[in-house]
Amino acid sequence: MPKVKVATIWFSGCSGCHMSFLDLDERLVELAQKVDIVYSPVVDIKEFPDGVDLTLVEGAVGNSEHWELLREIRERTKLLVAFGDCAVTGNVPSMRNPLPREEVLRSVYGEGEVPGLEEGEVPKLLPQALPLSMLVPVDGFIHGCPPPADRIWRFLQRLLAGESPLLVGEDLRFG
């Protein structure tokens, strides 16, 4: 039986969701027998592949690079999952939304020229940081900031068993 192709990605967020994923601890050994990680910030793969079965996306979409990659991911992924509250609701990254883009850039980079901005080295900041579902269809949601490892495990177990990716009860709790 072929392994499930899984990708993870990190947009505007803190990497806490990926840290919780690693908190699966010894369950990672069991998971490795069933899945191949084909793209992730924890592995050195440069191009997002075709034919991905499941992609977990952490973080809000905050810049042009995120938006471009999200469209590519949606085209190449069977199941796209908003992974953590930033991806589900915008959470902390969306706190910048009421501020004008120029004010945010000035706060981060100071007065004057933003190094690399004109050359395209720094991705263009979007007017707002947005949750995934405001931009593309999302197939599932793993709530939490970050989601506890047990919640991630239950979600993955259901998917690998061919069940619906919906979580119920305590697993629907935000924060």
N, C-alpha and C. Protein backbone atom coordinates (compact mmCIF):
# COMPACT_ATOMS: atom_id res chain seq x y z
N MET A 1 0.84 -1.18 0.00
CA MET A 1 0.00 0.00 0.00
C MET A 1 0.89 1.25 0.00
N PRO A 2 0.66 2.17 -0.96
CA PRO A 2 1.51 3.38 -1.02
C PRO A 2 1.26 4.28 0.18
N LYS A 3 2.30 4.99 0.57
CA LYS A 3 2.20 5.91 1.69
C LYS A 3 1.45 7.17 1.27
N VAL A 4 0.81 7.81 2.23
CA VAL A 4 0.12 9.08 2.01
C VAL A 4 1.17 10.18 1.90
N LYS A 5 1.04 11.02 0.87
CA LYS A 5 1.97 12.12 0.68
C LYS A 5 1.48 13.33 1.47
N VAL A 6 2.29 13.76 2.45
CA VAL A 6 1.91 14.85 3.35
C VAL A 6 2.91 15.99 3.21
N ALA A 7 2.37 17.21 3.18
CA ALA A 7 3.20 18.42 3.18
C ALA A 7 2.76 19.30 4.34
N THR A 8 3.70 20.07 4.85
CA THR A 8 3.37 21.10 5.83
C THR A 8 4.04 22.38 5.37
N ILE A 9 3.43 23.51 5.71
CA ILE A 9 3.97 24.81 5.31
C ILE A 9 3.73 25.79 6.44
N TRP A 10 4.57 26.81 6.50
CA TRP A 10 4.50 27.81 7.56
C TRP A 10 4.46 29.19 6.92
N PHE A 11 3.35 29.89 7.08
CA PHE A 11 3.21 31.27 6.59
C PHE A 11 3.41 32.23 7.77
N SER A 12 2.57 33.27 7.89
CA SER A 12 2.70 34.24 8.98
C SER A 12 2.23 33.60 10.28
N GLY A 13 3.15 33.26 11.12
CA GLY A 13 2.85 32.62 12.38
C GLY A 13 4.14 32.42 13.15
N CYS A 14 4.09 31.64 14.19
CA CYS A 14 5.24 31.53 15.10
C CYS A 14 5.94 30.18 15.04
N SER A 15 5.48 29.26 14.25
CA SER A 15 5.96 27.88 14.13
C SER A 15 5.51 27.00 15.28
N GLY A 16 4.64 27.51 16.14
CA GLY A 16 4.13 26.71 17.26
C GLY A 16 3.38 25.47 16.82
N CYS A 17 2.67 25.55 15.71
CA CYS A 17 1.92 24.39 15.21
C CYS A 17 2.89 23.28 14.79
N HIS A 18 3.98 23.67 14.13
CA HIS A 18 4.99 22.67 13.76
C HIS A 18 5.67 22.08 15.00
N MET A 19 5.86 22.91 16.02
CA MET A 19 6.45 22.39 17.26
C MET A 19 5.49 21.37 17.90
N SER A 20 4.18 21.66 17.87
CA SER A 20 3.20 20.70 18.38
C SER A 20 3.19 19.42 17.55
N PHE A 21 3.37 19.56 16.24
CA PHE A 21 3.47 18.38 15.37
C PHE A 21 4.65 17.52 15.82
N LEU A 22 5.78 18.14 16.09
CA LEU A 22 6.95 17.39 16.56
C LEU A 22 6.71 16.80 17.95
N ASP A 23 5.79 17.40 18.72
CA ASP A 23 5.42 16.87 20.04
C ASP A 23 4.63 15.56 19.95
N LEU A 24 4.37 15.09 18.73
CA LEU A 24 3.77 13.76 18.60
C LEU A 24 4.72 12.70 19.14
N ASP A 25 6.00 13.08 19.29
CA ASP A 25 7.02 12.23 19.90
C ASP A 25 7.06 10.85 19.25
N GLU A 26 6.93 9.78 20.06
CA GLU A 26 7.07 8.42 19.52
C GLU A 26 6.00 8.09 18.49
N ARG A 27 4.90 8.82 18.47
CA ARG A 27 3.86 8.60 17.46
C ARG A 27 4.37 8.97 16.06
N LEU A 28 5.43 9.80 15.99
CA LEU A 28 6.03 10.13 14.70
C LEU A 28 6.58 8.88 14.01
N VAL A 29 7.06 7.94 14.80
CA VAL A 29 7.57 6.68 14.23
C VAL A 29 6.43 5.92 13.56
N GLU A 30 5.30 5.83 14.24
CA GLU A 30 4.12 5.17 13.66
C GLU A 30 3.64 5.93 12.42
N LEU A 31 3.61 7.25 12.51
CA LEU A 31 3.18 8.07 11.39
C LEU A 31 4.10 7.88 10.19
N ALA A 32 5.40 7.78 10.42
CA ALA A 32 6.38 7.63 9.34
C ALA A 32 6.18 6.33 8.56
N GLN A 33 5.54 5.35 9.17
CA GLN A 33 5.26 4.10 8.47
C GLN A 33 4.10 4.25 7.49
N LYS A 34 3.30 5.32 7.67
CA LYS A 34 2.10 5.51 6.86
C LYS A 34 2.19 6.69 5.91
N VAL A 35 3.08 7.64 6.17
CA VAL A 35 3.15 8.85 5.35
C VAL A 35 4.58 9.15 4.93
N ASP A 36 4.67 9.87 3.82
CA ASP A 36 5.93 10.46 3.38
C ASP A 36 5.77 11.97 3.47
N ILE A 37 6.67 12.65 4.17
CA ILE A 37 6.67 14.11 4.21
C ILE A 37 7.37 14.57 2.92
N VAL A 38 6.58 15.15 2.01
CA VAL A 38 7.11 15.49 0.69
C VAL A 38 7.47 16.98 0.56
N TYR A 39 7.09 17.78 1.58
CA TYR A 39 7.43 19.20 1.59
C TYR A 39 7.16 19.71 3.00
N SER A 40 8.12 20.47 3.55
CA SER A 40 7.95 20.98 4.91
C SER A 40 9.12 21.87 5.27
N PRO A 41 8.92 22.81 6.22
CA PRO A 41 10.07 23.57 6.69
C PRO A 41 11.05 22.72 7.50
N VAL A 42 10.64 21.51 7.88
CA VAL A 42 11.54 20.65 8.65
C VAL A 42 12.32 19.68 7.76
N VAL A 43 12.12 19.76 6.44
CA VAL A 43 12.92 18.98 5.49
C VAL A 43 13.41 19.92 4.40
N ASP A 44 14.45 19.56 3.70
CA ASP A 44 15.07 20.43 2.71
C ASP A 44 14.60 20.09 1.30
N ILE A 45 13.37 20.48 1.00
CA ILE A 45 12.80 20.29 -0.34
C ILE A 45 12.39 21.67 -0.83
N LYS A 46 12.84 22.07 -2.00
CA LYS A 46 12.67 23.45 -2.47
C LYS A 46 11.38 23.70 -3.26
N GLU A 47 10.89 22.71 -3.98
CA GLU A 47 9.71 22.89 -4.84
C GLU A 47 8.52 22.12 -4.28
N PHE A 48 7.35 22.76 -4.28
CA PHE A 48 6.14 22.06 -3.84
C PHE A 48 5.74 21.05 -4.91
N PRO A 49 5.62 19.77 -4.55
CA PRO A 49 5.38 18.72 -5.55
C PRO A 49 3.91 18.62 -5.99
N ASP A 50 3.69 17.89 -7.06
CA ASP A 50 2.35 17.54 -7.52
C ASP A 50 1.84 16.33 -6.74
N GLY A 51 0.53 16.15 -6.73
CA GLY A 51 -0.07 14.93 -6.19
C GLY A 51 0.06 14.76 -4.69
N VAL A 52 0.01 15.84 -3.95
CA VAL A 52 0.08 15.76 -2.49
C VAL A 52 -1.30 15.37 -1.96
N ASP A 53 -1.34 14.41 -1.04
CA ASP A 53 -2.62 13.96 -0.48
C ASP A 53 -3.14 14.92 0.58
N LEU A 54 -2.25 15.43 1.43
CA LEU A 54 -2.65 16.27 2.56
C LEU A 54 -1.61 17.35 2.78
N THR A 55 -2.06 18.61 2.88
CA THR A 55 -1.17 19.69 3.26
C THR A 55 -1.73 20.40 4.48
N LEU A 56 -0.89 20.51 5.50
CA LEU A 56 -1.20 21.27 6.71
C LEU A 56 -0.54 22.63 6.57
N VAL A 57 -1.35 23.70 6.57
CA VAL A 57 -0.81 25.05 6.40
C VAL A 57 -0.95 25.81 7.71
N GLU A 58 0.19 26.18 8.29
CA GLU A 58 0.24 26.98 9.50
C GLU A 58 0.39 28.45 9.13
N GLY A 59 -0.31 29.32 9.83
CA GLY A 59 -0.13 30.76 9.67
C GLY A 59 -1.12 31.39 8.73
N ALA A 60 -1.28 32.70 8.93
CA ALA A 60 -2.12 33.51 8.05
C ALA A 60 -1.36 33.83 6.77
N VAL A 61 -2.10 34.19 5.73
CA VAL A 61 -1.49 34.60 4.47
C VAL A 61 -1.21 36.10 4.59
N GLY A 62 0.08 36.46 4.67
CA GLY A 62 0.44 37.84 4.96
C GLY A 62 1.18 38.58 3.87
N ASN A 63 1.73 37.86 2.88
CA ASN A 63 2.46 38.56 1.83
C ASN A 63 2.25 37.88 0.48
N SER A 64 2.78 38.49 -0.55
CA SER A 64 2.56 38.00 -1.92
C SER A 64 3.15 36.60 -2.12
N GLU A 65 4.25 36.30 -1.48
CA GLU A 65 4.85 34.97 -1.59
C GLU A 65 3.93 33.90 -1.00
N HIS A 66 3.33 34.18 0.15
CA HIS A 66 2.38 33.24 0.75
C HIS A 66 1.20 33.00 -0.19
N TRP A 67 0.64 34.08 -0.72
CA TRP A 67 -0.55 34.00 -1.57
C TRP A 67 -0.26 33.17 -2.82
N GLU A 68 0.90 33.41 -3.42
CA GLU A 68 1.29 32.65 -4.62
C GLU A 68 1.46 31.16 -4.30
N LEU A 69 2.15 30.85 -3.20
CA LEU A 69 2.36 29.46 -2.82
C LEU A 69 1.04 28.80 -2.42
N LEU A 70 0.15 29.52 -1.74
CA LEU A 70 -1.14 28.94 -1.35
C LEU A 70 -1.94 28.52 -2.58
N ARG A 71 -1.94 29.34 -3.62
CA ARG A 71 -2.65 28.95 -4.85
C ARG A 71 -2.04 27.69 -5.46
N GLU A 72 -0.72 27.62 -5.47
CA GLU A 72 -0.03 26.43 -5.99
C GLU A 72 -0.36 25.20 -5.15
N ILE A 73 -0.34 25.36 -3.83
CA ILE A 73 -0.66 24.26 -2.92
C ILE A 73 -2.08 23.76 -3.17
N ARG A 74 -3.03 24.68 -3.29
CA ARG A 74 -4.44 24.29 -3.49
C ARG A 74 -4.59 23.49 -4.77
N GLU A 75 -3.89 23.86 -5.82
CA GLU A 75 -3.97 23.15 -7.10
C GLU A 75 -3.36 21.75 -7.01
N ARG A 76 -2.36 21.56 -6.16
CA ARG A 76 -1.59 20.32 -6.13
C ARG A 76 -1.92 19.42 -4.94
N THR A 77 -2.93 19.80 -4.14
CA THR A 77 -3.24 19.06 -2.91
C THR A 77 -4.68 18.58 -2.92
N LYS A 78 -4.87 17.32 -2.54
CA LYS A 78 -6.23 16.79 -2.41
C LYS A 78 -6.95 17.38 -1.22
N LEU A 79 -6.31 17.35 -0.03
CA LEU A 79 -6.92 17.88 1.19
C LEU A 79 -6.03 18.98 1.76
N LEU A 80 -6.59 20.18 1.84
CA LEU A 80 -5.88 21.32 2.41
C LEU A 80 -6.46 21.62 3.78
N VAL A 81 -5.61 21.67 4.80
CA VAL A 81 -6.06 21.85 6.18
C VAL A 81 -5.45 23.10 6.77
N ALA A 82 -6.30 23.97 7.32
CA ALA A 82 -5.85 25.13 8.08
C ALA A 82 -5.36 24.61 9.43
N PHE A 83 -4.08 24.79 9.70
CA PHE A 83 -3.38 24.17 10.82
C PHE A 83 -3.08 25.23 11.88
N GLY A 84 -3.94 25.31 12.89
CA GLY A 84 -3.76 26.29 13.96
C GLY A 84 -4.59 27.54 13.74
N ASP A 85 -4.76 28.30 14.82
CA ASP A 85 -5.68 29.44 14.80
C ASP A 85 -5.27 30.55 13.83
N CYS A 86 -3.98 30.76 13.57
CA CYS A 86 -3.58 31.78 12.59
C CYS A 86 -4.09 31.43 11.20
N ALA A 87 -4.01 30.16 10.83
CA ALA A 87 -4.50 29.72 9.52
C ALA A 87 -6.03 29.67 9.49
N VAL A 88 -6.64 29.38 10.65
CA VAL A 88 -8.10 29.24 10.74
C VAL A 88 -8.79 30.61 10.78
N THR A 89 -8.26 31.54 11.59
CA THR A 89 -8.95 32.82 11.81
C THR A 89 -8.13 34.06 11.49
N GLY A 90 -6.84 33.91 11.25
CA GLY A 90 -5.95 35.06 11.09
C GLY A 90 -5.22 35.40 12.38
N ASN A 91 -5.85 35.13 13.51
CA ASN A 91 -5.31 35.25 14.87
C ASN A 91 -4.30 36.40 15.02
N VAL A 92 -3.16 36.17 15.60
CA VAL A 92 -2.19 37.23 15.92
C VAL A 92 -1.70 37.98 14.68
N PRO A 93 -1.35 37.32 13.57
CA PRO A 93 -0.89 38.09 12.41
C PRO A 93 -1.91 39.11 11.91
N SER A 94 -3.19 38.84 12.11
CA SER A 94 -4.22 39.76 11.61
C SER A 94 -4.37 40.99 12.51
N MET A 95 -3.66 41.05 13.61
CA MET A 95 -3.72 42.24 14.47
C MET A 95 -3.17 43.47 13.74
N ARG A 96 -2.40 43.27 12.69
CA ARG A 96 -1.89 44.40 11.90
C ARG A 96 -2.92 44.94 10.92
N ASN A 97 -4.02 44.23 10.72
CA ASN A 97 -4.97 44.59 9.66
C ASN A 97 -5.52 46.02 9.73
N PRO A 98 -5.81 46.56 10.91
CA PRO A 98 -6.32 47.94 10.93
C PRO A 98 -5.26 49.00 10.59
N LEU A 99 -3.99 48.61 10.59
CA LEU A 99 -2.91 49.57 10.34
C LEU A 99 -2.63 49.68 8.84
N PRO A 100 -2.34 50.89 8.36
CA PRO A 100 -1.95 51.03 6.94
C PRO A 100 -0.64 50.29 6.67
N ARG A 101 -0.55 49.67 5.52
CA ARG A 101 0.63 48.89 5.12
C ARG A 101 1.92 49.69 5.31
N GLU A 102 1.91 50.95 4.89
CA GLU A 102 3.11 51.79 4.98
C GLU A 102 3.53 51.98 6.43
N GLU A 103 2.57 52.10 7.34
CA GLU A 103 2.89 52.26 8.76
C GLU A 103 3.53 50.99 9.32
N VAL A 104 3.03 49.84 8.89
CA VAL A 104 3.62 48.57 9.34
C VAL A 104 5.06 48.47 8.83
N LEU A 105 5.29 48.77 7.56
CA LEU A 105 6.64 48.70 7.00
C LEU A 105 7.57 49.67 7.71
N ARG A 106 7.10 50.88 8.00
CA ARG A 106 7.91 51.87 8.68
C ARG A 106 8.25 51.40 10.10
N SER A 107 7.28 50.76 10.78
CA SER A 107 7.53 50.24 12.12
C SER A 107 8.57 49.13 12.11
N VAL A 108 8.55 48.30 11.08
CA VAL A 108 9.47 47.17 11.00
C VAL A 108 10.84 47.60 10.50
N TYR A 109 10.87 48.38 9.42
CA TYR A 109 12.13 48.70 8.76
C TYR A 109 12.67 50.09 9.08
N GLY A 110 11.88 50.95 9.73
CA GLY A 110 12.31 52.32 10.02
C GLY A 110 12.03 53.24 8.84
N GLU A 111 12.49 54.46 8.97
CA GLU A 111 12.29 55.46 7.91
C GLU A 111 13.21 55.17 6.74
N GLY A 112 12.85 55.68 5.59
CA GLY A 112 13.70 55.53 4.41
C GLY A 112 13.35 54.31 3.60
N GLU A 113 14.28 53.89 2.81
CA GLU A 113 14.10 52.78 1.89
C GLU A 113 14.04 51.45 2.64
N VAL A 114 13.19 50.55 2.14
CA VAL A 114 13.13 49.19 2.67
C VAL A 114 14.11 48.36 1.85
N PRO A 115 15.19 47.84 2.48
CA PRO A 115 16.18 47.08 1.71
C PRO A 115 15.55 45.89 0.99
N GLY A 116 15.81 45.80 -0.31
CA GLY A 116 15.34 44.65 -1.09
C GLY A 116 13.92 44.74 -1.58
N LEU A 117 13.14 45.74 -1.12
CA LEU A 117 11.72 45.81 -1.50
C LEU A 117 11.57 46.08 -2.98
N GLU A 118 12.32 47.00 -3.52
CA GLU A 118 12.22 47.34 -4.94
C GLU A 118 12.74 46.22 -5.83
N GLU A 119 13.70 45.44 -5.34
CA GLU A 119 14.29 44.37 -6.13
C GLU A 119 13.48 43.09 -6.06
N GLY A 120 12.44 43.05 -5.24
CA GLY A 120 11.63 41.85 -5.10
C GLY A 120 12.21 40.84 -4.13
N GLU A 121 13.24 41.22 -3.37
CA GLU A 121 13.83 40.30 -2.40
C GLU A 121 12.93 40.12 -1.18
N VAL A 122 12.20 41.16 -0.84
CA VAL A 122 11.25 41.12 0.28
C VAL A 122 9.86 40.98 -0.32
N PRO A 123 9.12 39.90 -0.01
CA PRO A 123 7.77 39.75 -0.58
C PRO A 123 6.88 40.92 -0.18
N LYS A 124 6.04 41.34 -1.11
CA LYS A 124 5.15 42.47 -0.85
C LYS A 124 4.14 42.10 0.23
N LEU A 125 4.06 42.95 1.24
CA LEU A 125 3.11 42.76 2.32
C LEU A 125 1.70 42.99 1.78
N LEU A 126 0.79 42.04 2.02
CA LEU A 126 -0.59 42.21 1.59
C LEU A 126 -1.27 43.26 2.48
N PRO A 127 -2.34 43.89 2.00
CA PRO A 127 -3.02 44.89 2.82
C PRO A 127 -3.51 44.33 4.16
N GLN A 128 -3.86 43.04 4.18
CA GLN A 128 -4.31 42.38 5.41
C GLN A 128 -3.75 40.97 5.47
N ALA A 129 -3.52 40.49 6.68
CA ALA A 129 -3.19 39.08 6.90
C ALA A 129 -4.52 38.33 6.99
N LEU A 130 -4.68 37.29 6.20
CA LEU A 130 -5.98 36.63 6.08
C LEU A 130 -5.89 35.14 6.40
N PRO A 131 -6.98 34.58 6.96
CA PRO A 131 -7.03 33.13 7.13
C PRO A 131 -7.17 32.47 5.76
N LEU A 132 -6.75 31.21 5.68
CA LEU A 132 -6.75 30.51 4.40
C LEU A 132 -8.11 30.49 3.72
N SER A 133 -9.16 30.24 4.51
CA SER A 133 -10.50 30.04 3.93
C SER A 133 -11.05 31.30 3.28
N MET A 134 -10.45 32.45 3.52
CA MET A 134 -10.89 33.67 2.83
C MET A 134 -10.29 33.77 1.43
N LEU A 135 -9.36 32.86 1.12
CA LEU A 135 -8.67 32.93 -0.17
C LEU A 135 -8.84 31.70 -1.04
N VAL A 136 -8.93 30.53 -0.43
CA VAL A 136 -9.07 29.27 -1.19
C VAL A 136 -10.00 28.33 -0.40
N PRO A 137 -10.59 27.35 -1.08
CA PRO A 137 -11.37 26.34 -0.35
C PRO A 137 -10.46 25.53 0.58
N VAL A 138 -10.93 25.33 1.81
CA VAL A 138 -10.20 24.57 2.82
C VAL A 138 -11.03 23.35 3.18
N ASP A 139 -10.36 22.20 3.31
CA ASP A 139 -11.06 20.94 3.55
C ASP A 139 -11.16 20.55 5.02
N GLY A 140 -10.37 21.17 5.87
CA GLY A 140 -10.41 20.83 7.29
C GLY A 140 -9.71 21.90 8.11
N PHE A 141 -9.98 21.87 9.42
CA PHE A 141 -9.44 22.87 10.34
C PHE A 141 -8.96 22.17 11.60
N ILE A 142 -7.74 22.49 12.01
CA ILE A 142 -7.23 22.03 13.30
C ILE A 142 -7.05 23.27 14.16
N HIS A 143 -7.97 23.49 15.10
CA HIS A 143 -7.96 24.67 15.95
C HIS A 143 -6.89 24.56 17.03
N GLY A 144 -6.51 25.70 17.56
CA GLY A 144 -5.60 25.76 18.69
C GLY A 144 -4.43 26.68 18.41
N CYS A 145 -3.89 27.23 19.48
CA CYS A 145 -2.76 28.15 19.37
C CYS A 145 -1.73 27.81 20.43
N PRO A 146 -0.88 26.85 20.10
CA PRO A 146 -0.96 25.91 18.98
C PRO A 146 -1.90 24.76 19.32
N PRO A 147 -2.31 24.00 18.31
CA PRO A 147 -3.12 22.82 18.61
C PRO A 147 -2.29 21.81 19.40
N PRO A 148 -2.88 21.21 20.42
CA PRO A 148 -2.13 20.19 21.17
C PRO A 148 -1.82 18.98 20.29
N ALA A 149 -0.71 18.32 20.59
CA ALA A 149 -0.28 17.16 19.81
C ALA A 149 -1.37 16.10 19.75
N ASP A 150 -2.11 15.90 20.84
CA ASP A 150 -3.17 14.88 20.83
C ASP A 150 -4.26 15.22 19.83
N ARG A 151 -4.58 16.50 19.69
CA ARG A 151 -5.60 16.93 18.70
C ARG A 151 -5.09 16.67 17.28
N ILE A 152 -3.85 17.00 17.03
CA ILE A 152 -3.25 16.75 15.71
C ILE A 152 -3.28 15.25 15.42
N TRP A 153 -2.91 14.45 16.40
CA TRP A 153 -2.88 13.00 16.24
C TRP A 153 -4.27 12.45 15.91
N ARG A 154 -5.29 12.87 16.66
CA ARG A 154 -6.66 12.39 16.39
C ARG A 154 -7.09 12.76 14.97
N PHE A 155 -6.77 13.98 14.55
CA PHE A 155 -7.11 14.44 13.20
C PHE A 155 -6.43 13.55 12.15
N LEU A 156 -5.13 13.33 12.31
CA LEU A 156 -4.40 12.51 11.34
C LEU A 156 -4.88 11.07 11.34
N GLN A 157 -5.16 10.53 12.51
CA GLN A 157 -5.65 9.15 12.60
C GLN A 157 -6.97 8.99 11.85
N ARG A 158 -7.87 9.95 12.00
CA ARG A 158 -9.15 9.88 11.27
C ARG A 158 -8.92 9.92 9.77
N LEU A 159 -8.07 10.83 9.32
CA LEU A 159 -7.79 10.92 7.88
C LEU A 159 -7.17 9.63 7.35
N LEU A 160 -6.20 9.11 8.06
CA LEU A 160 -5.51 7.89 7.60
C LEU A 160 -6.43 6.67 7.62
N ALA A 161 -7.49 6.74 8.44
CA ALA A 161 -8.47 5.66 8.49
C ALA A 161 -9.55 5.85 7.42
N GLY A 162 -9.44 6.91 6.62
CA GLY A 162 -10.41 7.17 5.57
C GLY A 162 -11.68 7.83 6.05
N GLU A 163 -11.64 8.39 7.27
CA GLU A 163 -12.82 9.06 7.83
C GLU A 163 -12.79 10.55 7.52
N SER A 164 -13.88 11.22 7.83
CA SER A 164 -14.01 12.65 7.62
C SER A 164 -12.98 13.41 8.44
N PRO A 165 -12.41 14.49 7.88
CA PRO A 165 -11.42 15.25 8.63
C PRO A 165 -12.03 16.19 9.68
N LEU A 166 -13.33 16.08 9.92
CA LEU A 166 -13.96 16.97 10.88
C LEU A 166 -13.62 16.54 12.31
N LEU A 167 -13.36 17.52 13.14
CA LEU A 167 -13.14 17.26 14.56
C LEU A 167 -14.38 17.68 15.33
N VAL A 168 -14.62 17.04 16.46
CA VAL A 168 -15.81 17.32 17.26
C VAL A 168 -15.41 17.50 18.72
N GLY A 169 -16.39 17.97 19.52
CA GLY A 169 -16.19 18.08 20.96
C GLY A 169 -15.07 19.01 21.33
N GLU A 170 -14.22 18.60 22.25
CA GLU A 170 -13.12 19.40 22.75
C GLU A 170 -12.15 19.82 21.64
N ASP A 171 -12.09 19.05 20.57
CA ASP A 171 -11.18 19.37 19.49
C ASP A 171 -11.61 20.59 18.69
N LEU A 172 -12.80 21.11 18.95
CA LEU A 172 -13.25 22.32 18.25
C LEU A 172 -12.87 23.59 19.03
N ARG A 173 -12.27 23.45 20.18
CA ARG A 173 -11.95 24.60 21.02
C ARG A 173 -10.80 25.40 20.42
N PHE A 174 -10.97 26.72 20.37
CA PHE A 174 -9.92 27.62 19.90
C PHE A 174 -9.00 27.96 21.06
N GLY A 175 -7.79 28.39 20.74
CA GLY A 175 -6.85 28.88 21.76
C GLY A 175 -6.01 27.79 22.35
